[in-house]
Amino acid sequence: MKKIASLTIALALGWAGGAMAQEQALTQQEVSAQLAEQGYTDVHDLDFRDGVWTARARSGNGEHVKLRVDPVTGRAYPDKQVSRFSEVDIRASLSAQGYTHVHDIDFHRGIWTAKARSSAGIRVSLQIDAETGRVIGSS
């Protein structure tokens, strides 16, 4: 009898927990704002399907992507490797870090690359983190 009572309580708590999670789900407007904060533009076809938000958008590096979005956190999961930063964002970030004559900016396999001159005037090839915009390597 104790097992049945425990199971009944567990099911009741599970149902209540599910209802609480439902209350915490982001609204369509909140999801749209979260996607913009993550660097996505031209967000469209935003819909709730199979327990997650789905959308189509353009990533910071210009790729058209399909997204699945966590309904509670708003974190986007793109169907392709993307960057939240655009080429212009990377150029501005490098300039702010003291690099000049920035050129040949490219996004490939999840990393931005660029050529520039360091603050000392030395030619460098840079590798930039697509998530943070931070220089992670230079040669």
Protein backbone atom coordinates (compact mmCIF):
# COMPACT_ATOMS: atom_id res chain seq x y z
CA MET A 1 0.00 0.00 0.00
CA LYS A 2 2.88 2.36 0.81
CA LYS A 3 4.31 1.90 -2.71
CA ILE A 4 0.99 2.89 -4.31
CA ALA A 5 0.71 5.96 -2.08
CA SER A 6 4.31 6.93 -2.89
CA LEU A 7 3.68 6.46 -6.59
CA THR A 8 0.52 8.57 -6.39
CA ILE A 9 2.41 11.36 -4.60
CA ALA A 10 5.31 11.17 -7.08
CA LEU A 11 2.94 11.40 -10.03
CA ALA A 12 1.12 14.33 -8.44
CA LEU A 13 4.43 16.12 -7.80
CA GLY A 14 5.61 15.35 -11.32
CA TRP A 15 2.42 16.83 -12.74
CA ALA A 16 2.78 19.91 -10.53
CA GLY A 17 6.42 20.23 -11.57
CA GLY A 18 5.36 20.08 -15.21
CA ALA A 19 2.81 22.81 -14.61
CA MET A 20 5.48 24.96 -12.95
CA ALA A 21 7.84 24.46 -15.89
CA GLN A 22 5.03 25.47 -18.24
CA GLU A 23 4.53 28.69 -16.28
CA GLN A 24 8.24 29.47 -16.66
CA ALA A 25 8.26 29.07 -20.45
CA LEU A 26 9.28 32.16 -22.39
CA THR A 27 6.70 33.99 -24.48
CA GLN A 28 7.05 34.46 -28.20
CA GLN A 29 8.19 38.07 -27.68
CA GLU A 30 10.73 37.00 -25.05
CA VAL A 31 12.13 34.31 -27.36
CA SER A 32 12.43 36.86 -30.17
CA ALA A 33 14.33 39.23 -27.82
CA GLN A 34 16.60 36.39 -26.63
CA LEU A 35 17.46 35.50 -30.23
CA ALA A 36 18.34 39.13 -30.98
CA GLU A 37 20.63 39.17 -27.92
CA GLN A 38 22.34 36.05 -29.30
CA GLY A 39 23.09 37.85 -32.58
CA TYR A 40 20.25 36.55 -34.76
CA THR A 41 18.43 38.88 -37.15
CA ASP A 42 15.53 38.49 -39.57
CA VAL A 43 13.83 36.06 -37.17
CA HIS A 44 10.69 34.58 -38.70
CA ASP A 45 8.46 31.49 -38.61
CA LEU A 46 8.69 31.50 -34.80
CA ASP A 47 6.51 28.65 -33.58
CA PHE A 48 6.22 26.27 -30.62
CA ARG A 49 6.59 22.64 -31.73
CA ASP A 50 7.42 19.37 -30.00
CA GLY A 51 8.24 21.06 -26.70
CA VAL A 52 10.63 23.72 -28.07
CA TRP A 53 10.40 27.00 -29.91
CA THR A 54 11.48 26.80 -33.57
CA ALA A 55 12.41 29.62 -35.90
CA ARG A 56 14.29 30.60 -39.01
CA ALA A 57 16.79 33.44 -38.82
CA ARG A 58 20.05 34.91 -40.06
CA SER A 59 23.10 34.46 -37.83
CA GLY A 60 25.69 37.15 -37.16
CA ASN A 61 27.94 35.74 -39.87
CA GLY A 62 25.09 35.94 -42.41
CA GLU A 63 24.06 32.28 -42.54
CA HIS A 64 20.38 31.39 -42.92
CA VAL A 65 19.68 28.90 -40.15
CA LYS A 66 16.89 26.88 -38.62
CA LEU A 67 16.79 27.14 -34.84
CA ARG A 68 15.47 25.15 -31.96
CA VAL A 69 15.14 27.29 -28.85
CA ASP A 70 15.01 26.14 -25.23
CA PRO A 71 11.59 27.31 -23.99
CA VAL A 72 12.89 28.19 -20.52
CA THR A 73 16.39 29.65 -21.11
CA GLY A 74 15.97 30.96 -24.66
CA ARG A 75 19.27 29.39 -25.77
CA ALA A 76 19.29 28.81 -29.52
CA TYR A 77 20.51 25.61 -31.14
CA PRO A 78 21.22 26.28 -34.83
CA ASP A 79 21.30 23.62 -37.51
CA LYS A 80 24.65 25.01 -38.78
CA GLN A 81 27.84 26.30 -37.17
CA VAL A 82 27.30 30.04 -36.72
CA SER A 83 28.69 33.12 -35.05
CA ARG A 84 26.80 35.74 -33.11
CA PHE A 85 29.19 38.34 -34.54
CA SER A 86 29.19 39.79 -38.03
CA GLU A 87 32.28 40.71 -40.03
CA VAL A 88 31.72 44.36 -39.06
CA ASP A 89 31.54 43.38 -35.36
CA ILE A 90 34.85 41.51 -35.64
CA ARG A 91 36.48 44.46 -37.42
CA ALA A 92 35.29 46.85 -34.67
CA SER A 93 36.41 44.49 -31.89
CA LEU A 94 39.89 44.13 -33.37
CA SER A 95 40.18 47.88 -33.80
CA ALA A 96 39.23 48.40 -30.15
CA GLN A 97 41.95 45.88 -29.21
CA GLY A 98 44.58 47.99 -31.01
CA TYR A 99 44.81 46.18 -34.36
CA THR A 100 44.98 48.23 -37.55
CA HIS A 101 44.77 47.50 -41.27
CA VAL A 102 42.36 44.64 -40.59
CA HIS A 103 41.52 42.64 -43.72
CA ASP A 104 40.73 39.16 -45.07
CA ILE A 105 38.14 38.48 -42.37
CA ASP A 106 36.56 35.05 -42.80
CA PHE A 107 34.40 32.65 -40.80
CA HIS A 108 35.31 28.99 -41.22
CA ARG A 109 34.62 25.94 -39.04
CA GLY A 110 33.45 27.96 -36.07
CA ILE A 111 36.41 30.37 -35.93
CA TRP A 112 36.82 33.86 -37.35
CA THR A 113 40.20 34.56 -38.97
CA ALA A 114 41.67 37.90 -39.98
CA LYS A 115 44.91 39.52 -40.99
CA ALA A 116 45.98 42.79 -39.41
CA ARG A 117 48.81 44.80 -37.94
CA SER A 118 49.40 44.69 -34.21
CA SER A 119 49.74 47.86 -32.13
CA ALA A 120 53.51 47.49 -32.71
CA GLY A 121 52.94 47.51 -36.49
CA ILE A 122 53.74 43.81 -36.98
CA ARG A 123 51.67 41.83 -39.49
CA VAL A 124 49.67 39.11 -37.76
CA SER A 125 47.17 36.42 -38.64
CA LEU A 126 44.49 36.17 -35.99
CA GLN A 127 42.01 33.53 -34.88
CA ILE A 128 38.95 34.86 -33.09
CA ASP A 129 36.43 33.01 -30.89
CA ALA A 130 33.00 33.06 -32.60
CA GLU A 131 31.17 33.14 -29.26
CA THR A 132 33.11 35.90 -27.49
CA GLY A 133 34.98 37.84 -30.21
CA ARG A 134 38.21 37.34 -28.22
CA VAL A 135 41.50 36.72 -30.07
CA ILE A 136 42.44 33.13 -29.26
CA GLY A 137 45.54 32.84 -31.41
CA SER A 138 47.92 34.85 -33.54
CA SER A 139 50.93 34.19 -35.72
